[in-house]
Amino acid sequence: TTSACTACQNLQWRCTPECLFAPYFLPDQPERFANVHNVFGVSNVRKMLNELLVYFHEDCINTLAYEVDMRVKDPIYGCVSVISVLQKRAARTQNHKYLALATPCSSSMLSPGTR
């Protein structure tokens, strides 16, 4: 006998083999469901999953859980702060690439075998 998923335990539902949440909210992760439920609501999570192919369900739940974790760490900006930092790094790297491509190499910079 298997125990009910955290979603069904929390909501006092009967967990069936067809449970939409069972694969993603395991009984040993009660905080994960509670946090996702508190921020997004079980109805919204169910709607999201029903609109996606099953193949994408795990990514969806992992993304929601990540967003919740980031909101706990940064209640004002959440994951937007991480996205902003990554965008700035990407832009800086792109600028360095353009500068490297635009800067002509002098013959003194070349190794002896390439002259």
N, C-alpha and C. Protein backbone atom coordinates (compact mmCIF):
# COMPACT_ATOMS: atom_id res chain seq x y z
N THR A 1 0.84 -1.19 0.00
CA THR A 1 0.00 0.00 0.00
C THR A 1 0.88 1.24 0.00
N THR A 2 0.53 2.18 -0.85
CA THR A 2 1.29 3.41 -0.94
C THR A 2 0.54 4.51 -0.21
N SER A 3 1.30 5.47 0.30
CA SER A 3 0.65 6.56 1.01
C SER A 3 0.23 7.64 0.02
N ALA A 4 -0.72 8.43 0.43
CA ALA A 4 -1.26 9.49 -0.42
C ALA A 4 -0.20 10.55 -0.68
N CYS A 5 -0.31 11.20 -1.82
CA CYS A 5 0.61 12.30 -2.12
C CYS A 5 0.36 13.44 -1.14
N THR A 6 1.30 14.33 -1.07
CA THR A 6 1.19 15.45 -0.14
C THR A 6 -0.01 16.34 -0.44
N ALA A 7 -0.31 16.49 -1.73
CA ALA A 7 -1.47 17.32 -2.10
C ALA A 7 -2.75 16.73 -1.53
N CYS A 8 -2.95 15.45 -1.74
CA CYS A 8 -4.17 14.80 -1.24
C CYS A 8 -4.20 14.77 0.28
N GLN A 9 -3.06 14.54 0.91
CA GLN A 9 -3.01 14.56 2.37
C GLN A 9 -3.40 15.94 2.89
N ASN A 10 -2.82 16.98 2.30
CA ASN A 10 -3.05 18.35 2.74
C ASN A 10 -4.50 18.77 2.54
N LEU A 11 -5.07 18.37 1.41
CA LEU A 11 -6.43 18.77 1.08
C LEU A 11 -7.48 17.78 1.55
N GLN A 12 -7.01 16.71 2.19
CA GLN A 12 -7.87 15.64 2.70
C GLN A 12 -8.71 15.02 1.59
N TRP A 13 -8.04 14.76 0.46
CA TRP A 13 -8.65 14.08 -0.66
C TRP A 13 -8.23 12.62 -0.64
N ARG A 14 -9.02 11.80 -1.31
CA ARG A 14 -8.64 10.40 -1.49
C ARG A 14 -7.69 10.35 -2.68
N CYS A 15 -6.47 9.89 -2.46
CA CYS A 15 -5.46 9.85 -3.52
C CYS A 15 -5.65 8.58 -4.34
N THR A 16 -5.88 8.76 -5.62
CA THR A 16 -6.10 7.62 -6.53
C THR A 16 -4.87 7.43 -7.41
N PRO A 17 -4.78 6.29 -8.07
CA PRO A 17 -3.64 6.08 -8.99
C PRO A 17 -3.60 7.10 -10.12
N GLU A 18 -4.73 7.70 -10.45
CA GLU A 18 -4.79 8.71 -11.52
C GLU A 18 -4.55 10.13 -11.00
N CYS A 19 -4.19 10.28 -9.74
CA CYS A 19 -4.00 11.61 -9.13
C CYS A 19 -3.03 12.45 -9.95
N LEU A 20 -3.46 13.64 -10.32
CA LEU A 20 -2.67 14.56 -11.12
C LEU A 20 -1.42 15.03 -10.39
N PHE A 21 -1.50 15.13 -9.07
CA PHE A 21 -0.42 15.69 -8.28
C PHE A 21 0.56 14.66 -7.72
N ALA A 22 0.18 13.41 -7.65
CA ALA A 22 0.98 12.38 -6.99
C ALA A 22 2.42 12.29 -7.49
N PRO A 23 2.67 12.33 -8.78
CA PRO A 23 4.07 12.20 -9.22
C PRO A 23 4.97 13.38 -8.82
N TYR A 24 4.37 14.51 -8.48
CA TYR A 24 5.14 15.73 -8.28
C TYR A 24 5.18 16.21 -6.84
N PHE A 25 4.27 15.73 -6.02
CA PHE A 25 4.24 16.12 -4.61
C PHE A 25 4.25 14.84 -3.77
N LEU A 26 5.45 14.33 -3.59
CA LEU A 26 5.63 13.06 -2.88
C LEU A 26 5.35 13.23 -1.39
N PRO A 27 4.97 12.14 -0.72
CA PRO A 27 4.62 12.23 0.70
C PRO A 27 5.74 12.76 1.59
N ASP A 28 6.98 12.62 1.16
CA ASP A 28 8.09 13.08 2.01
C ASP A 28 8.48 14.53 1.75
N GLN A 29 7.65 15.28 0.97
CA GLN A 29 7.93 16.68 0.66
C GLN A 29 6.73 17.57 0.97
N PRO A 30 6.27 17.57 2.22
CA PRO A 30 5.05 18.33 2.52
C PRO A 30 5.19 19.84 2.33
N GLU A 31 6.40 20.39 2.56
CA GLU A 31 6.58 21.83 2.42
C GLU A 31 6.44 22.26 0.96
N ARG A 32 6.88 21.40 0.06
CA ARG A 32 6.84 21.76 -1.36
C ARG A 32 5.41 22.04 -1.81
N PHE A 33 4.50 21.11 -1.50
CA PHE A 33 3.11 21.33 -1.89
C PHE A 33 2.52 22.52 -1.14
N ALA A 34 2.75 22.59 0.15
CA ALA A 34 2.17 23.68 0.95
C ALA A 34 2.58 25.04 0.40
N ASN A 35 3.85 25.19 0.04
CA ASN A 35 4.32 26.46 -0.49
C ASN A 35 3.71 26.79 -1.84
N VAL A 36 3.70 25.80 -2.74
CA VAL A 36 3.12 26.02 -4.07
C VAL A 36 1.62 26.32 -3.94
N HIS A 37 0.95 25.58 -3.09
CA HIS A 37 -0.49 25.78 -2.87
C HIS A 37 -0.77 27.17 -2.30
N ASN A 38 0.04 27.60 -1.33
CA ASN A 38 -0.18 28.91 -0.70
C ASN A 38 0.02 30.06 -1.67
N VAL A 39 0.95 29.93 -2.59
CA VAL A 39 1.24 31.03 -3.52
C VAL A 39 0.34 30.99 -4.75
N PHE A 40 0.19 29.81 -5.35
CA PHE A 40 -0.52 29.71 -6.62
C PHE A 40 -1.94 29.16 -6.50
N GLY A 41 -2.21 28.40 -5.46
CA GLY A 41 -3.53 27.78 -5.30
C GLY A 41 -3.64 26.50 -6.09
N VAL A 42 -4.27 25.52 -5.49
CA VAL A 42 -4.37 24.20 -6.12
C VAL A 42 -5.18 24.26 -7.41
N SER A 43 -6.18 25.10 -7.46
CA SER A 43 -7.00 25.22 -8.67
C SER A 43 -6.18 25.75 -9.84
N ASN A 44 -5.37 26.75 -9.59
CA ASN A 44 -4.53 27.30 -10.66
C ASN A 44 -3.48 26.30 -11.12
N VAL A 45 -2.89 25.58 -10.18
CA VAL A 45 -1.89 24.58 -10.54
C VAL A 45 -2.55 23.48 -11.39
N ARG A 46 -3.73 23.06 -10.99
CA ARG A 46 -4.44 22.05 -11.76
C ARG A 46 -4.73 22.55 -13.18
N LYS A 47 -5.18 23.79 -13.31
CA LYS A 47 -5.45 24.37 -14.63
C LYS A 47 -4.19 24.39 -15.49
N MET A 48 -3.06 24.80 -14.89
CA MET A 48 -1.80 24.84 -15.63
C MET A 48 -1.43 23.45 -16.14
N LEU A 49 -1.52 22.47 -15.25
CA LEU A 49 -1.15 21.11 -15.65
C LEU A 49 -2.09 20.56 -16.72
N ASN A 50 -3.37 20.86 -16.60
CA ASN A 50 -4.33 20.37 -17.59
C ASN A 50 -4.14 21.00 -18.97
N GLU A 51 -3.54 22.19 -19.01
CA GLU A 51 -3.29 22.86 -20.28
C GLU A 51 -2.00 22.40 -20.95
N LEU A 52 -1.19 21.65 -20.22
CA LEU A 52 0.10 21.20 -20.75
C LEU A 52 0.06 19.72 -21.11
N LEU A 53 0.95 19.35 -22.01
CA LEU A 53 1.16 17.93 -22.26
C LEU A 53 1.79 17.32 -21.01
N VAL A 54 1.51 16.07 -20.74
CA VAL A 54 2.04 15.40 -19.56
C VAL A 54 3.57 15.50 -19.51
N TYR A 55 4.17 15.49 -20.66
CA TYR A 55 5.63 15.58 -20.78
C TYR A 55 6.18 16.82 -20.05
N PHE A 56 5.41 17.91 -19.99
CA PHE A 56 5.87 19.15 -19.39
C PHE A 56 5.43 19.35 -17.94
N HIS A 57 4.67 18.43 -17.38
CA HIS A 57 4.16 18.60 -16.02
C HIS A 57 5.27 18.75 -14.99
N GLU A 58 6.26 17.90 -15.07
CA GLU A 58 7.34 17.96 -14.07
C GLU A 58 8.07 19.30 -14.14
N ASP A 59 8.35 19.77 -15.35
CA ASP A 59 9.00 21.08 -15.50
C ASP A 59 8.13 22.20 -14.92
N CYS A 60 6.84 22.10 -15.15
CA CYS A 60 5.91 23.11 -14.63
C CYS A 60 5.95 23.15 -13.10
N ILE A 61 5.84 22.00 -12.47
CA ILE A 61 5.85 21.94 -11.01
C ILE A 61 7.19 22.40 -10.46
N ASN A 62 8.28 21.97 -11.09
CA ASN A 62 9.61 22.40 -10.63
C ASN A 62 9.78 23.91 -10.76
N THR A 63 9.24 24.49 -11.82
CA THR A 63 9.31 25.93 -12.02
C THR A 63 8.49 26.67 -10.96
N LEU A 64 7.29 26.18 -10.70
CA LEU A 64 6.46 26.81 -9.67
C LEU A 64 7.14 26.73 -8.30
N ALA A 65 7.71 25.57 -7.99
CA ALA A 65 8.40 25.39 -6.71
C ALA A 65 9.61 26.32 -6.63
N TYR A 66 10.33 26.49 -7.73
CA TYR A 66 11.48 27.40 -7.75
C TYR A 66 11.02 28.84 -7.54
N GLU A 67 9.96 29.23 -8.21
CA GLU A 67 9.44 30.60 -8.04
C GLU A 67 9.04 30.85 -6.59
N VAL A 68 8.43 29.87 -5.96
CA VAL A 68 8.04 30.01 -4.55
C VAL A 68 9.28 30.14 -3.68
N ASP A 69 10.29 29.30 -3.92
CA ASP A 69 11.53 29.38 -3.13
C ASP A 69 12.18 30.75 -3.28
N MET A 70 12.18 31.28 -4.49
CA MET A 70 12.78 32.58 -4.72
C MET A 70 11.97 33.70 -4.06
N ARG A 71 10.66 33.55 -4.00
CA ARG A 71 9.83 34.55 -3.32
C ARG A 71 10.12 34.56 -1.83
N VAL A 72 10.42 33.38 -1.28
CA VAL A 72 10.78 33.31 0.14
C VAL A 72 12.11 34.02 0.37
N LYS A 73 13.07 33.80 -0.53
CA LYS A 73 14.39 34.43 -0.38
C LYS A 73 14.36 35.93 -0.67
N ASP A 74 13.53 36.34 -1.62
CA ASP A 74 13.43 37.76 -2.01
C ASP A 74 11.96 38.08 -2.23
N PRO A 75 11.25 38.45 -1.14
CA PRO A 75 9.80 38.65 -1.24
C PRO A 75 9.36 39.74 -2.21
N ILE A 76 10.23 40.69 -2.50
CA ILE A 76 9.84 41.80 -3.38
C ILE A 76 10.00 41.42 -4.85
N TYR A 77 11.16 40.90 -5.21
CA TYR A 77 11.44 40.62 -6.62
C TYR A 77 11.36 39.15 -7.00
N GLY A 78 11.50 38.26 -6.04
CA GLY A 78 11.43 36.83 -6.34
C GLY A 78 12.46 36.42 -7.37
N CYS A 79 12.06 35.61 -8.33
CA CYS A 79 13.01 35.11 -9.34
C CYS A 79 13.38 36.19 -10.35
N VAL A 80 12.67 37.29 -10.37
CA VAL A 80 12.99 38.37 -11.30
C VAL A 80 14.40 38.92 -11.00
N SER A 81 14.80 38.94 -9.74
CA SER A 81 16.15 39.42 -9.40
C SER A 81 17.21 38.52 -10.01
N VAL A 82 17.00 37.21 -9.99
CA VAL A 82 17.95 36.28 -10.59
C VAL A 82 17.97 36.45 -12.11
N ILE A 83 16.81 36.59 -12.70
CA ILE A 83 16.72 36.79 -14.15
C ILE A 83 17.45 38.07 -14.55
N SER A 84 17.29 39.13 -13.78
CA SER A 84 17.95 40.39 -14.06
C SER A 84 19.46 40.25 -14.01
N VAL A 85 19.97 39.58 -13.00
CA VAL A 85 21.42 39.36 -12.89
C VAL A 85 21.93 38.56 -14.09
N LEU A 86 21.22 37.53 -14.46
CA LEU A 86 21.64 36.70 -15.59
C LEU A 86 21.59 37.47 -16.90
N GLN A 87 20.58 38.32 -17.08
CA GLN A 87 20.50 39.15 -18.29
C GLN A 87 21.67 40.12 -18.37
N LYS A 88 22.04 40.72 -17.24
CA LYS A 88 23.17 41.64 -17.22
C LYS A 88 24.47 40.91 -17.55
N ARG A 89 24.65 39.71 -16.99
CA ARG A 89 25.85 38.92 -17.30
C ARG A 89 25.90 38.55 -18.77
N ALA A 90 24.77 38.16 -19.32
CA ALA A 90 24.71 37.79 -20.74
C ALA A 90 25.05 39.00 -21.62
N ALA A 91 24.52 40.17 -21.29
CA ALA A 91 24.80 41.37 -22.06
C ALA A 91 26.28 41.74 -21.97
N ARG A 92 26.85 41.63 -20.79
CA ARG A 92 28.27 41.94 -20.60
C ARG A 92 29.14 40.97 -21.41
N THR A 93 28.79 39.70 -21.38
CA THR A 93 29.53 38.70 -22.14
C THR A 93 29.42 38.98 -23.63
N GLN A 94 28.24 39.35 -24.08
CA GLN A 94 28.02 39.69 -25.49
C GLN A 94 28.88 40.89 -25.88
N ASN A 95 28.93 41.90 -25.02
CA ASN A 95 29.76 43.07 -25.29
C ASN A 95 31.24 42.71 -25.38
N HIS A 96 31.69 41.84 -24.47
CA HIS A 96 33.09 41.39 -24.51
C HIS A 96 33.36 40.64 -25.82
N LYS A 97 32.41 39.86 -26.25
CA LYS A 97 32.58 39.12 -27.51
C LYS A 97 32.70 40.09 -28.68
N TYR A 98 31.83 41.09 -28.74
CA TYR A 98 31.88 42.07 -29.83
C TYR A 98 33.20 42.84 -29.82
N LEU A 99 33.64 43.21 -28.63
CA LEU A 99 34.91 43.93 -28.52
C LEU A 99 36.07 43.06 -29.00
N ALA A 100 36.05 41.80 -28.62
CA ALA A 100 37.11 40.88 -29.04
C ALA A 100 37.11 40.69 -30.55
N LEU A 101 35.93 40.62 -31.14
CA LEU A 101 35.84 40.45 -32.59
C LEU A 101 36.21 41.72 -33.33
N ALA A 102 35.95 42.88 -32.73
CA ALA A 102 36.20 44.16 -33.39
C ALA A 102 37.65 44.63 -33.23
N THR A 103 38.36 44.10 -32.27
CA THR A 103 39.73 44.51 -32.03
C THR A 103 40.66 43.73 -32.95
N PRO A 104 41.35 44.43 -33.85
CA PRO A 104 42.27 43.71 -34.74
C PRO A 104 43.48 43.19 -33.97
N CYS A 105 43.97 42.04 -34.37
CA CYS A 105 45.13 41.46 -33.74
C CYS A 105 46.38 42.01 -34.41
N SER A 106 47.31 42.46 -33.62
CA SER A 106 48.58 42.90 -34.21
C SER A 106 49.46 41.67 -34.38
N SER A 107 50.45 41.78 -35.22
CA SER A 107 51.33 40.64 -35.48
C SER A 107 52.11 40.26 -34.24
N SER A 108 52.30 41.19 -33.29
CA SER A 108 53.03 40.86 -32.07
C SER A 108 52.19 39.99 -31.13
N MET A 109 50.87 39.99 -31.35
CA MET A 109 49.99 39.17 -30.52
C MET A 109 49.88 37.75 -31.03
N LEU A 110 50.28 37.51 -32.24
CA LEU A 110 50.18 36.18 -32.82
C LEU A 110 51.32 35.31 -32.35
N SER A 111 51.09 34.05 -32.25
CA SER A 111 52.15 33.14 -31.86
C SER A 111 53.11 32.98 -33.04
N PRO A 112 54.36 32.60 -32.77
CA PRO A 112 55.37 32.54 -33.84
C PRO A 112 54.97 31.64 -35.00
N GLY A 113 54.21 30.63 -34.78
CA GLY A 113 53.83 29.71 -35.86
C GLY A 113 52.74 30.22 -36.75
N THR A 114 52.07 31.33 -36.42
CA THR A 114 50.94 31.82 -37.23
C THR A 114 51.29 33.05 -38.03
N ARG A 115 52.54 33.53 -37.99
CA ARG A 115 52.94 34.73 -38.75
C ARG A 115 53.17 34.44 -40.19
